[in-house]
Every structure is written in structure tokens, then in C-alpha cells.
Amino acid sequence: MSTAIISNLAHDDFESQLGELRGEIDRVDEALLQLLAKRREISLQMARLKNAHSIPLRDIPREKELFESRVAVGEEQGLDRSYVEEVFFAVLNDSRRYQKQKA
């Protein structure tokens, strides 16, 4: 077999593997987005419940507890602390903003 044919086969295998990996990432991203949407809806239910009982939306001790527990779980999964903090900071900000708009 010539070097060109071997090279083309290796390239085809590379492209196939790359396509499969990209497909996996796409499926994980879609699952993440579905989970974020579900989380957002649950947080809205919580906001409405709190409003019905005249309880403040923001619970700073709970937020601190949430951050620490999520960071710990993230670190167990091999994720960097600052990465997990950034993600959950964005998630909590979105929850608060959404709750204020909809509750």
C-alpha cells in the first residue's frame, strides 16, 4: 500500500473520530442546557413559594452553602475550583434575575 493511501486512511479515521467526539460534546451541551432550563423553572417555583409566604428571595447563607458543596463535588470530579465558582455564580445570577422578572 502506498504512503498516500495510508495517509488518507489515517486522515479518514481522524475525521471519523473527531466527528464522533464532536457529536458527544453536542449531546452533553444539549443535556446541560435542558438541565439549566429545568433548574431555572424550579427556582421560579421556589420564588413564588417564598413570595406567597413573604420570605426574601435571597438566602445568602444558603448561597454560601451551595457554592461550597458544588465546589467540593466539582473538585471530586477533577474540576478547578474557580471554574465551578464561575459557573455557579452565573447560574445563581440567572436564577435571581429570572425570579425577579417572573415571580
N, C-alpha and C. Protein backbone atom coordinates (compact mmCIF):
# COMPACT_ATOMS: atom_id res chain seq x y z
N MET A 1 0.85 -1.17 0.00
CA MET A 1 0.00 0.00 0.00
C MET A 1 0.90 1.24 0.00
N SER A 2 0.53 2.22 -0.77
CA SER A 2 1.37 3.41 -0.87
C SER A 2 1.18 4.30 0.35
N THR A 3 2.14 5.17 0.56
CA THR A 3 2.12 6.09 1.69
C THR A 3 0.91 7.02 1.61
N ALA A 4 0.53 7.44 0.39
CA ALA A 4 -0.61 8.34 0.21
C ALA A 4 -1.90 7.67 0.65
N ILE A 5 -2.06 6.39 0.34
CA ILE A 5 -3.28 5.67 0.73
C ILE A 5 -3.34 5.51 2.24
N ILE A 6 -2.19 5.15 2.85
CA ILE A 6 -2.13 5.02 4.30
C ILE A 6 -2.45 6.35 4.96
N SER A 7 -1.90 7.42 4.41
CA SER A 7 -2.14 8.76 4.96
C SER A 7 -3.63 9.12 4.86
N ASN A 8 -4.26 8.80 3.72
CA ASN A 8 -5.70 9.08 3.55
C ASN A 8 -6.53 8.27 4.53
N LEU A 9 -6.17 7.01 4.77
CA LEU A 9 -6.89 6.17 5.72
C LEU A 9 -6.76 6.75 7.13
N ALA A 10 -5.54 7.17 7.48
CA ALA A 10 -5.33 7.76 8.80
C ALA A 10 -6.13 9.04 8.95
N HIS A 11 -6.18 9.84 7.88
CA HIS A 11 -6.94 11.09 7.91
C HIS A 11 -8.44 10.80 8.04
N ASP A 12 -8.92 9.80 7.29
CA ASP A 12 -10.34 9.44 7.37
C ASP A 12 -10.69 8.97 8.78
N ASP A 13 -9.81 8.17 9.38
CA ASP A 13 -10.04 7.69 10.75
C ASP A 13 -10.06 8.87 11.72
N PHE A 14 -9.13 9.80 11.54
CA PHE A 14 -9.08 11.00 12.37
C PHE A 14 -10.38 11.78 12.26
N GLU A 15 -10.83 12.01 11.03
CA GLU A 15 -12.07 12.77 10.81
C GLU A 15 -13.27 12.06 11.42
N SER A 16 -13.30 10.75 11.32
CA SER A 16 -14.39 9.97 11.89
C SER A 16 -14.41 10.10 13.41
N GLN A 17 -13.25 9.93 14.04
CA GLN A 17 -13.15 10.05 15.49
C GLN A 17 -13.49 11.45 15.96
N LEU A 18 -12.99 12.43 15.22
CA LEU A 18 -13.27 13.83 15.56
C LEU A 18 -14.77 14.10 15.49
N GLY A 19 -15.41 13.61 14.45
CA GLY A 19 -16.85 13.78 14.30
C GLY A 19 -17.63 13.12 15.43
N GLU A 20 -17.20 11.94 15.84
CA GLU A 20 -17.85 11.25 16.95
C GLU A 20 -17.70 12.03 18.25
N LEU A 21 -16.50 12.53 18.50
CA LEU A 21 -16.27 13.30 19.72
C LEU A 21 -17.06 14.60 19.73
N ARG A 22 -17.13 15.25 18.58
CA ARG A 22 -17.93 16.48 18.49
C ARG A 22 -19.41 16.18 18.74
N GLY A 23 -19.87 15.05 18.24
CA GLY A 23 -21.26 14.65 18.48
C GLY A 23 -21.51 14.42 19.96
N GLU A 24 -20.56 13.80 20.65
CA GLU A 24 -20.70 13.60 22.10
C GLU A 24 -20.78 14.92 22.83
N ILE A 25 -19.91 15.85 22.46
CA ILE A 25 -19.92 17.18 23.09
C ILE A 25 -21.26 17.87 22.83
N ASP A 26 -21.76 17.76 21.61
CA ASP A 26 -23.06 18.37 21.29
C ASP A 26 -24.17 17.79 22.17
N ARG A 27 -24.16 16.48 22.38
CA ARG A 27 -25.19 15.85 23.21
C ARG A 27 -25.06 16.27 24.68
N VAL A 28 -23.83 16.38 25.16
CA VAL A 28 -23.62 16.83 26.54
C VAL A 28 -24.08 18.28 26.69
N ASP A 29 -23.74 19.12 25.71
CA ASP A 29 -24.17 20.52 25.77
C ASP A 29 -25.69 20.64 25.78
N GLU A 30 -26.36 19.83 24.96
CA GLU A 30 -27.82 19.86 24.93
C GLU A 30 -28.39 19.43 26.28
N ALA A 31 -27.81 18.39 26.87
CA ALA A 31 -28.27 17.94 28.19
C ALA A 31 -28.05 19.02 29.24
N LEU A 32 -26.90 19.69 29.19
CA LEU A 32 -26.63 20.79 30.13
C LEU A 32 -27.69 21.88 30.00
N LEU A 33 -28.01 22.25 28.78
CA LEU A 33 -29.00 23.31 28.57
C LEU A 33 -30.38 22.90 29.06
N GLN A 34 -30.74 21.64 28.85
CA GLN A 34 -32.02 21.16 29.37
C GLN A 34 -32.04 21.20 30.89
N LEU A 35 -30.94 20.81 31.51
CA LEU A 35 -30.87 20.84 32.98
C LEU A 35 -30.90 22.27 33.50
N LEU A 36 -30.23 23.18 32.82
CA LEU A 36 -30.27 24.58 33.25
C LEU A 36 -31.68 25.15 33.15
N ALA A 37 -32.39 24.80 32.10
CA ALA A 37 -33.77 25.27 31.95
C ALA A 37 -34.65 24.68 33.05
N LYS A 38 -34.45 23.42 33.37
CA LYS A 38 -35.22 22.78 34.44
C LYS A 38 -34.90 23.44 35.78
N ARG A 39 -33.62 23.73 36.04
CA ARG A 39 -33.22 24.38 37.28
C ARG A 39 -33.87 25.75 37.40
N ARG A 40 -33.91 26.46 36.27
CA ARG A 40 -34.50 27.79 36.25
C ARG A 40 -35.98 27.73 36.62
N GLU A 41 -36.68 26.78 36.09
CA GLU A 41 -38.11 26.64 36.39
C GLU A 41 -38.33 26.27 37.86
N ILE A 42 -37.49 25.41 38.40
CA ILE A 42 -37.61 25.06 39.83
C ILE A 42 -37.34 26.28 40.69
N SER A 43 -36.34 27.09 40.31
CA SER A 43 -36.04 28.29 41.10
C SER A 43 -37.20 29.27 41.05
N LEU A 44 -37.92 29.31 39.93
CA LEU A 44 -39.10 30.17 39.84
C LEU A 44 -40.20 29.68 40.77
N GLN A 45 -40.39 28.37 40.84
CA GLN A 45 -41.37 27.81 41.78
C GLN A 45 -41.00 28.18 43.22
N MET A 46 -39.70 28.10 43.53
CA MET A 46 -39.24 28.48 44.87
C MET A 46 -39.52 29.95 45.14
N ALA A 47 -39.27 30.80 44.16
CA ALA A 47 -39.50 32.24 44.34
C ALA A 47 -40.98 32.52 44.60
N ARG A 48 -41.83 31.85 43.86
CA ARG A 48 -43.27 32.07 44.05
C ARG A 48 -43.72 31.58 45.43
N LEU A 49 -43.16 30.47 45.87
CA LEU A 49 -43.47 29.96 47.21
C LEU A 49 -42.99 30.93 48.27
N LYS A 50 -41.78 31.44 48.11
CA LYS A 50 -41.25 32.41 49.08
C LYS A 50 -42.10 33.67 49.09
N ASN A 51 -42.47 34.16 47.91
CA ASN A 51 -43.31 35.35 47.84
C ASN A 51 -44.65 35.13 48.53
N ALA A 52 -45.23 33.97 48.36
CA ALA A 52 -46.52 33.65 48.97
C ALA A 52 -46.44 33.64 50.49
N HIS A 53 -45.23 33.40 51.01
CA HIS A 53 -45.03 33.37 52.47
C HIS A 53 -44.22 34.56 52.98
N SER A 54 -44.09 35.58 52.13
CA SER A 54 -43.38 36.82 52.48
C SER A 54 -41.96 36.56 52.99
N ILE A 55 -41.27 35.66 52.32
CA ILE A 55 -39.88 35.34 52.66
C ILE A 55 -38.99 35.96 51.58
N PRO A 56 -37.88 36.60 51.97
CA PRO A 56 -36.99 37.19 50.97
C PRO A 56 -36.50 36.14 49.96
N LEU A 57 -36.37 36.58 48.72
CA LEU A 57 -35.90 35.66 47.68
C LEU A 57 -34.48 35.19 47.94
N ARG A 58 -33.64 36.11 48.35
CA ARG A 58 -32.22 35.79 48.50
C ARG A 58 -31.95 35.22 49.88
N ASP A 59 -31.21 34.12 49.90
CA ASP A 59 -30.82 33.44 51.13
C ASP A 59 -29.30 33.28 51.08
N ILE A 60 -28.60 34.28 51.60
CA ILE A 60 -27.14 34.32 51.49
C ILE A 60 -26.46 33.13 52.16
N PRO A 61 -26.88 32.72 53.37
CA PRO A 61 -26.25 31.50 53.94
C PRO A 61 -26.45 30.28 53.04
N ARG A 62 -27.62 30.14 52.43
CA ARG A 62 -27.87 29.02 51.51
C ARG A 62 -26.97 29.14 50.29
N GLU A 63 -26.78 30.34 49.77
CA GLU A 63 -25.91 30.53 48.61
C GLU A 63 -24.48 30.12 48.93
N LYS A 64 -24.00 30.51 50.11
CA LYS A 64 -22.63 30.13 50.52
C LYS A 64 -22.52 28.63 50.64
N GLU A 65 -23.52 28.01 51.24
CA GLU A 65 -23.54 26.55 51.39
C GLU A 65 -23.55 25.88 50.01
N LEU A 66 -24.36 26.42 49.11
CA LEU A 66 -24.45 25.88 47.76
C LEU A 66 -23.10 25.96 47.05
N PHE A 67 -22.47 27.13 47.13
CA PHE A 67 -21.16 27.29 46.48
C PHE A 67 -20.17 26.27 46.99
N GLU A 68 -20.08 26.16 48.30
CA GLU A 68 -19.08 25.25 48.88
C GLU A 68 -19.35 23.79 48.52
N SER A 69 -20.62 23.40 48.57
CA SER A 69 -20.92 22.00 48.25
C SER A 69 -20.69 21.72 46.77
N ARG A 70 -21.04 22.67 45.90
CA ARG A 70 -20.83 22.46 44.46
C ARG A 70 -19.35 22.45 44.11
N VAL A 71 -18.59 23.31 44.77
CA VAL A 71 -17.14 23.32 44.54
C VAL A 71 -16.53 21.99 44.97
N ALA A 72 -16.96 21.48 46.12
CA ALA A 72 -16.43 20.20 46.60
C ALA A 72 -16.75 19.07 45.62
N VAL A 73 -17.97 19.03 45.14
CA VAL A 73 -18.35 18.00 44.17
C VAL A 73 -17.56 18.18 42.88
N GLY A 74 -17.42 19.42 42.45
CA GLY A 74 -16.65 19.69 41.24
C GLY A 74 -15.21 19.24 41.37
N GLU A 75 -14.62 19.53 42.51
CA GLU A 75 -13.22 19.12 42.72
C GLU A 75 -13.10 17.60 42.74
N GLU A 76 -14.11 16.91 43.30
CA GLU A 76 -14.11 15.45 43.26
C GLU A 76 -14.14 14.93 41.83
N GLN A 77 -14.75 15.72 40.95
CA GLN A 77 -14.84 15.35 39.53
C GLN A 77 -13.63 15.83 38.72
N GLY A 78 -12.67 16.45 39.41
CA GLY A 78 -11.46 16.92 38.72
C GLY A 78 -11.57 18.31 38.14
N LEU A 79 -12.60 19.06 38.54
CA LEU A 79 -12.78 20.42 38.03
C LEU A 79 -12.09 21.42 38.93
N ASP A 80 -11.60 22.47 38.34
CA ASP A 80 -10.94 23.55 39.06
C ASP A 80 -11.95 24.35 39.87
N ARG A 81 -11.58 24.70 41.07
CA ARG A 81 -12.45 25.46 41.98
C ARG A 81 -12.98 26.73 41.33
N SER A 82 -12.12 27.51 40.71
CA SER A 82 -12.56 28.78 40.13
C SER A 82 -13.54 28.57 38.98
N TYR A 83 -13.37 27.49 38.24
CA TYR A 83 -14.28 27.17 37.15
C TYR A 83 -15.68 26.89 37.70
N VAL A 84 -15.77 26.06 38.73
CA VAL A 84 -17.06 25.73 39.34
C VAL A 84 -17.69 26.98 39.94
N GLU A 85 -16.89 27.80 40.59
CA GLU A 85 -17.42 29.04 41.18
C GLU A 85 -17.99 29.95 40.10
N GLU A 86 -17.27 30.09 38.99
CA GLU A 86 -17.75 30.94 37.89
C GLU A 86 -19.06 30.42 37.32
N VAL A 87 -19.14 29.12 37.13
CA VAL A 87 -20.36 28.52 36.58
C VAL A 87 -21.53 28.77 37.52
N PHE A 88 -21.36 28.47 38.81
CA PHE A 88 -22.48 28.63 39.73
C PHE A 88 -22.78 30.09 40.04
N PHE A 89 -21.81 30.96 39.95
CA PHE A 89 -22.09 32.39 40.08
C PHE A 89 -23.03 32.81 38.95
N ALA A 90 -22.74 32.37 37.74
CA ALA A 90 -23.60 32.70 36.60
C ALA A 90 -24.98 32.07 36.75
N VAL A 91 -25.03 30.84 37.21
CA VAL A 91 -26.32 30.15 37.40
C VAL A 91 -27.16 30.88 38.45
N LEU A 92 -26.55 31.24 39.57
CA LEU A 92 -27.30 31.94 40.62
C LEU A 92 -27.74 33.33 40.16
N ASN A 93 -26.89 34.03 39.45
CA ASN A 93 -27.28 35.34 38.93
C ASN A 93 -28.48 35.22 38.00
N ASP A 94 -28.45 34.21 37.15
CA ASP A 94 -29.57 33.98 36.24
C ASP A 94 -30.84 33.66 37.03
N SER A 95 -30.72 32.83 38.05
CA SER A 95 -31.89 32.48 38.87
C SER A 95 -32.49 33.71 39.51
N ARG A 96 -31.66 34.54 40.09
CA ARG A 96 -32.16 35.75 40.76
C ARG A 96 -32.84 36.68 39.75
N ARG A 97 -32.21 36.87 38.60
CA ARG A 97 -32.76 37.75 37.58
C ARG A 97 -34.11 37.20 37.08
N TYR A 98 -34.16 35.91 36.81
CA TYR A 98 -35.38 35.27 36.32
C TYR A 98 -36.49 35.33 37.37
N GLN A 99 -36.13 35.09 38.63
CA GLN A 99 -37.12 35.14 39.70
C GLN A 99 -37.73 36.53 39.81
N LYS A 100 -36.90 37.57 39.72
CA LYS A 100 -37.41 38.94 39.83
C LYS A 100 -38.35 39.27 38.67
N GLN A 101 -38.04 38.76 37.48
CA GLN A 101 -38.86 39.05 36.30
C GLN A 101 -40.20 38.32 36.34
N LYS A 102 -40.19 37.09 36.81
CA LYS A 102 -41.36 36.22 36.66
C LYS A 102 -42.17 35.98 37.92
N ALA A 103 -41.55 36.12 39.08
CA ALA A 103 -42.27 35.76 40.32
C ALA A 103 -43.26 36.83 40.74
